[in-house]
Amino acid sequence: MLWARVAGMPSFSQTRSIVVDADPSAIRPLIDDFHRWVEWSPWEGLDPELKRSYSGPDAGVGARYEWSGNRKAGSGSMEITASTPDRIDLDLEFVAPFKASNKATFALESAGSGTRVSWTMRGERNLLFAVMGPLFFDRAIAKDFDRGLAALKDLAERR
């Protein structure tokens, strides 16, 4: 893998968006507080025995969430690294079922009378994922992001 480090790992970026009929101030707290993710995250139902731990502030920069679950849920952590009224950035570390370090961003933009929420994940892939990722991983993540954004929309619009 030394060659991959020297040559540079192939990068990826996946973005999905939805328009929510709500003000950013109603949406942002649902993303900026990991305790609220249980209400909309597309991965919450993968393991009924999922173990969660939270550290740092309740919300915003420095808030940290760690999970450990079955084979489907895997394990890893997220930490909010930047939080403004229109953007939340996260560092995402997967430990299992595979190791990966990615960045995630939620952008909140005005869209008519609502808010466009865009969820992006980006990072680098090893050579195996460079081949297999576009065929399997990208499609799965797109479906997960769409499911999560739809649940976020439903939750924000009910308020």
C-alpha atoms as a PDB file:
ATOM      1  CA  MET A   1       0.000   0.000   0.000  1.00  0.00           C
ATOM      2  CA  LEU A   2       3.019   2.283   0.011  1.00  0.00           C
ATOM      3  CA  TRP A   3       2.416   2.826  -3.709  1.00  0.00           C
ATOM      4  CA  ALA A   4      -1.127   4.026  -2.980  1.00  0.00           C
ATOM      5  CA  ARG A   5       0.179   6.587  -0.514  1.00  0.00           C
ATOM      6  CA  VAL A   6       2.777   7.848  -2.950  1.00  0.00           C
ATOM      7  CA  ALA A   7       0.482   7.881  -5.956  1.00  0.00           C
ATOM      8  CA  GLY A   8      -2.508   9.198  -4.022  1.00  0.00           C
ATOM      9  CA  MET A   9      -5.655   7.297  -3.186  1.00  0.00           C
ATOM     10  CA  PRO A  10      -8.664   7.674  -5.492  1.00  0.00           C
ATOM     11  CA  SER A  11     -11.105  10.123  -3.947  1.00  0.00           C
ATOM     12  CA  PHE A  12     -14.893  10.052  -3.927  1.00  0.00           C
ATOM     13  CA  SER A  13     -17.725  12.425  -3.137  1.00  0.00           C
ATOM     14  CA  GLN A  14     -21.411  11.575  -2.728  1.00  0.00           C
ATOM     15  CA  THR A  15     -24.088  14.286  -2.356  1.00  0.00           C
ATOM     16  CA  ARG A  16     -27.843  13.918  -1.972  1.00  0.00           C
ATOM     17  CA  SER A  17     -30.317  16.776  -1.406  1.00  0.00           C
ATOM     18  CA  ILE A  18     -33.917  17.383  -0.450  1.00  0.00           C
ATOM     19  CA  VAL A  19     -36.051  20.510  -0.052  1.00  0.00           C
ATOM     20  CA  VAL A  20     -37.650  20.801   3.376  1.00  0.00           C
ATOM     21  CA  ASP A  21     -40.632  23.071   3.981  1.00  0.00           C
ATOM     22  CA  ALA A  22     -39.081  24.513   7.130  1.00  0.00           C
ATOM     23  CA  ASP A  23     -36.700  27.245   8.164  1.00  0.00           C
ATOM     24  CA  PRO A  24     -33.033  26.297   8.686  1.00  0.00           C
ATOM     25  CA  SER A  25     -33.490  27.090  12.382  1.00  0.00           C
ATOM     26  CA  ALA A  26     -35.916  24.129  12.626  1.00  0.00           C
ATOM     27  CA  ILE A  27     -33.622  21.753  10.721  1.00  0.00           C
ATOM     28  CA  ARG A  28     -30.172  22.598  12.054  1.00  0.00           C
ATOM     29  CA  PRO A  29     -30.731  21.384  15.668  1.00  0.00           C
ATOM     30  CA  LEU A  30     -31.744  17.960  14.306  1.00  0.00           C
ATOM     31  CA  ILE A  31     -28.317  17.616  12.663  1.00  0.00           C
ATOM     32  CA  ASP A  32     -26.142  19.573  15.098  1.00  0.00           C
ATOM     33  CA  ASP A  33     -27.088  17.367  18.084  1.00  0.00           C
ATOM     34  CA  PHE A  34     -26.148  13.687  17.718  1.00  0.00           C
ATOM     35  CA  HIS A  35     -28.780  12.756  20.338  1.00  0.00           C
ATOM     36  CA  ARG A  36     -31.398  13.788  17.723  1.00  0.00           C
ATOM     37  CA  TRP A  37     -29.977  11.497  15.019  1.00  0.00           C
ATOM     38  CA  VAL A  38     -31.894   8.559  16.529  1.00  0.00           C
ATOM     39  CA  GLU A  39     -35.033  10.281  15.175  1.00  0.00           C
ATOM     40  CA  TRP A  40     -33.963  10.375  11.516  1.00  0.00           C
ATOM     41  CA  SER A  41     -30.660   8.601  10.777  1.00  0.00           C
ATOM     42  CA  PRO A  42     -31.057   5.904   8.108  1.00  0.00           C
ATOM     43  CA  TRP A  43     -28.829   3.547  10.093  1.00  0.00           C
ATOM     44  CA  GLU A  44     -30.735   3.589  13.378  1.00  0.00           C
ATOM     45  CA  GLY A  45     -32.796   0.491  12.638  1.00  0.00           C
ATOM     46  CA  LEU A  46     -29.874  -1.739  11.655  1.00  0.00           C
ATOM     47  CA  ASP A  47     -29.197  -3.030  15.158  1.00  0.00           C
ATOM     48  CA  PRO A  48     -31.761  -2.920  17.986  1.00  0.00           C
ATOM     49  CA  GLU A  49     -28.884  -3.545  20.437  1.00  0.00           C
ATOM     50  CA  LEU A  50     -26.718  -0.682  19.080  1.00  0.00           C
ATOM     51  CA  LYS A  51     -24.460   0.804  21.750  1.00  0.00           C
ATOM     52  CA  ARG A  52     -24.099   4.587  21.626  1.00  0.00           C
ATOM     53  CA  SER A  53     -21.934   6.980  23.586  1.00  0.00           C
ATOM     54  CA  TYR A  54     -21.795  10.751  23.477  1.00  0.00           C
ATOM     55  CA  SER A  55     -19.047  13.079  24.663  1.00  0.00           C
ATOM     56  CA  GLY A  56     -18.137  16.732  24.457  1.00  0.00           C
ATOM     57  CA  PRO A  57     -20.848  19.389  24.288  1.00  0.00           C
ATOM     58  CA  ASP A  58     -24.446  18.314  23.612  1.00  0.00           C
ATOM     59  CA  ALA A  59     -24.357  20.000  20.196  1.00  0.00           C
ATOM     60  CA  GLY A  60     -22.072  21.920  17.873  1.00  0.00           C
ATOM     61  CA  VAL A  61     -18.310  21.901  17.524  1.00  0.00           C
ATOM     62  CA  GLY A  62     -16.689  19.195  19.617  1.00  0.00           C
ATOM     63  CA  ALA A  63     -19.842  17.084  20.010  1.00  0.00           C
ATOM     64  CA  ARG A  64     -18.849  13.449  19.538  1.00  0.00           C
ATOM     65  CA  TYR A  65     -20.828  10.271  18.941  1.00  0.00           C
ATOM     66  CA  GLU A  66     -19.515   6.714  18.965  1.00  0.00           C
ATOM     67  CA  TRP A  67     -21.434   3.599  18.021  1.00  0.00           C
ATOM     68  CA  SER A  68     -20.840  -0.123  18.094  1.00  0.00           C
ATOM     69  CA  GLY A  69     -23.240  -2.661  16.698  1.00  0.00           C
ATOM     70  CA  ASN A  70     -23.795  -5.804  14.729  1.00  0.00           C
ATOM     71  CA  ARG A  71     -22.248  -6.514  11.326  1.00  0.00           C
ATOM     72  CA  LYS A  72     -24.748  -4.248   9.518  1.00  0.00           C
ATOM     73  CA  ALA A  73     -24.314  -1.271  11.868  1.00  0.00           C
ATOM     74  CA  GLY A  74     -20.579  -1.661  12.308  1.00  0.00           C
ATOM     75  CA  SER A  75     -18.698   0.668  14.613  1.00  0.00           C
ATOM     76  CA  GLY A  76     -17.102   4.062  14.452  1.00  0.00           C
ATOM     77  CA  SER A  77     -17.366   7.670  15.530  1.00  0.00           C
ATOM     78  CA  MET A  78     -18.376  11.127  14.343  1.00  0.00           C
ATOM     79  CA  GLU A  79     -17.317  14.532  15.593  1.00  0.00           C
ATOM     80  CA  ILE A  80     -18.671  17.938  14.627  1.00  0.00           C
ATOM     81  CA  THR A  81     -15.728  20.045  13.463  1.00  0.00           C
ATOM     82  CA  ALA A  82     -17.573  23.165  12.254  1.00  0.00           C
ATOM     83  CA  SER A  83     -21.072  24.476  12.801  1.00  0.00           C
ATOM     84  CA  THR A  84     -22.578  27.633  11.326  1.00  0.00           C
ATOM     85  CA  PRO A  85     -26.211  28.549  10.621  1.00  0.00           C
ATOM     86  CA  ASP A  86     -25.899  27.200   7.058  1.00  0.00           C
ATOM     87  CA  ARG A  87     -23.366  24.357   7.367  1.00  0.00           C
ATOM     88  CA  ILE A  88     -22.310  21.537   9.680  1.00  0.00           C
ATOM     89  CA  ASP A  89     -19.063  19.619   9.074  1.00  0.00           C
ATOM     90  CA  LEU A  90     -18.242  16.213  10.565  1.00  0.00           C
ATOM     91  CA  ASP A  91     -15.219  13.951  10.773  1.00  0.00           C
ATOM     92  CA  LEU A  92     -16.379  10.383  10.326  1.00  0.00           C
ATOM     93  CA  GLU A  93     -14.269   7.373  11.342  1.00  0.00           C
ATOM     94  CA  PHE A  94     -15.406   3.875  10.441  1.00  0.00           C
ATOM     95  CA  VAL A  95     -13.762   1.024  12.341  1.00  0.00           C
ATOM     96  CA  ALA A  96     -15.939  -1.906  11.225  1.00  0.00           C
ATOM     97  CA  PRO A  97     -16.969  -3.504   8.933  1.00  0.00           C
ATOM     98  CA  PHE A  98     -14.117  -1.614   7.233  1.00  0.00           C
ATOM     99  CA  LYS A  99     -11.727   1.142   8.221  1.00  0.00           C
ATOM    100  CA  ALA A 100     -12.202   4.553   6.622  1.00  0.00           C
ATOM    101  CA  SER A 101     -11.813   8.226   7.468  1.00  0.00           C
ATOM    102  CA  ASN A 102     -14.294  10.484   5.711  1.00  0.00           C
ATOM    103  CA  LYS A 103     -15.678  13.989   5.919  1.00  0.00           C
ATOM    104  CA  ALA A 104     -19.398  14.743   5.903  1.00  0.00           C
ATOM    105  CA  THR A 105     -21.102  18.073   5.339  1.00  0.00           C
ATOM    106  CA  PHE A 106     -24.687  19.193   5.730  1.00  0.00           C
ATOM    107  CA  ALA A 107     -25.412  22.422   3.815  1.00  0.00           C
ATOM    108  CA  LEU A 108     -28.618  24.386   4.429  1.00  0.00           C
ATOM    109  CA  GLU A 109     -29.572  26.752   1.596  1.00  0.00           C
ATOM    110  CA  SER A 110     -32.645  28.852   0.939  1.00  0.00           C
ATOM    111  CA  ALA A 111     -34.952  27.218  -1.616  1.00  0.00           C
ATOM    112  CA  GLY A 112     -38.080  29.278  -2.202  1.00  0.00           C
ATOM    113  CA  SER A 113     -40.098  29.168   1.004  1.00  0.00           C
ATOM    114  CA  GLY A 114     -38.108  26.171   2.279  1.00  0.00           C
ATOM    115  CA  THR A 115     -34.564  24.962   2.790  1.00  0.00           C
ATOM    116  CA  ARG A 116     -32.467  22.720   0.560  1.00  0.00           C
ATOM    117  CA  VAL A 117     -30.555  20.276   2.754  1.00  0.00           C
ATOM    118  CA  SER A 118     -27.547  18.717   1.017  1.00  0.00           C
ATOM    119  CA  TRP A 119     -25.682  15.828   2.636  1.00  0.00           C
ATOM    120  CA  THR A 120     -22.192  15.152   1.278  1.00  0.00           C
ATOM    121  CA  MET A 121     -19.648  12.534   2.233  1.00  0.00           C
ATOM    122  CA  ARG A 122     -16.163  12.584   0.762  1.00  0.00           C
ATOM    123  CA  GLY A 123     -12.932  10.771   1.305  1.00  0.00           C
ATOM    124  CA  GLU A 124     -10.340   8.529  -0.281  1.00  0.00           C
ATOM    125  CA  ARG A 125     -10.662   4.900  -1.305  1.00  0.00           C
ATOM    126  CA  ASN A 126      -8.180   2.087  -1.339  1.00  0.00           C
ATOM    127  CA  LEU A 127      -7.739   0.351  -4.684  1.00  0.00           C
ATOM    128  CA  LEU A 128     -10.375  -2.322  -3.974  1.00  0.00           C
ATOM    129  CA  PHE A 129     -12.992   0.304  -3.074  1.00  0.00           C
ATOM    130  CA  ALA A 130     -11.954   2.374  -6.094  1.00  0.00           C
ATOM    131  CA  VAL A 131     -13.192  -0.509  -8.256  1.00  0.00           C
ATOM    132  CA  MET A 132     -16.069  -1.809  -6.140  1.00  0.00           C
ATOM    133  CA  GLY A 133     -17.248   1.484  -4.639  1.00  0.00           C
ATOM    134  CA  PRO A 134     -18.956   2.928  -7.709  1.00  0.00           C
ATOM    135  CA  LEU A 135     -20.741  -0.377  -8.304  1.00  0.00           C
ATOM    136  CA  PHE A 136     -22.014  -1.064  -4.786  1.00  0.00           C
ATOM    137  CA  PHE A 137     -21.023   1.395  -2.060  1.00  0.00           C
ATOM    138  CA  ASP A 138     -22.093   4.571  -3.894  1.00  0.00           C
ATOM    139  CA  ARG A 139     -25.558   3.195  -4.658  1.00  0.00           C
ATOM    140  CA  ALA A 140     -26.042   1.988  -1.095  1.00  0.00           C
ATOM    141  CA  ILE A 141     -24.935   5.322   0.385  1.00  0.00           C
ATOM    142  CA  ALA A 142     -27.206   7.235  -2.021  1.00  0.00           C
ATOM    143  CA  LYS A 143     -30.192   5.143  -0.864  1.00  0.00           C
ATOM    144  CA  ASP A 144     -29.228   5.603   2.797  1.00  0.00           C
ATOM    145  CA  PHE A 145     -28.801   9.367   2.395  1.00  0.00           C
ATOM    146  CA  ASP A 146     -32.154   9.620   0.578  1.00  0.00           C
ATOM    147  CA  ARG A 147     -33.885   7.670   3.363  1.00  0.00           C
ATOM    148  CA  GLY A 148     -32.236   9.797   6.058  1.00  0.00           C
ATOM    149  CA  LEU A 149     -33.058  13.068   4.303  1.00  0.00           C
ATOM    150  CA  ALA A 150     -36.692  11.998   3.835  1.00  0.00           C
ATOM    151  CA  ALA A 151     -36.942  11.201   7.565  1.00  0.00           C
ATOM    152  CA  LEU A 152     -35.250  14.519   8.435  1.00  0.00           C
ATOM    153  CA  LYS A 153     -37.740  16.342   6.176  1.00  0.00           C
ATOM    154  CA  ASP A 154     -40.694  14.576   7.793  1.00  0.00           C
ATOM    155  CA  LEU A 155     -39.430  15.374  11.285  1.00  0.00           C
ATOM    156  CA  ALA A 156     -38.677  19.053  10.546  1.00  0.00           C
ATOM    157  CA  GLU A 157     -41.985  19.631   8.764  1.00  0.00           C
ATOM    158  CA  ARG A 158     -44.010  18.134  11.654  1.00  0.00           C
ATOM    159  CA  ARG A 159     -42.723  20.829  14.038  1.00  0.00           C
END
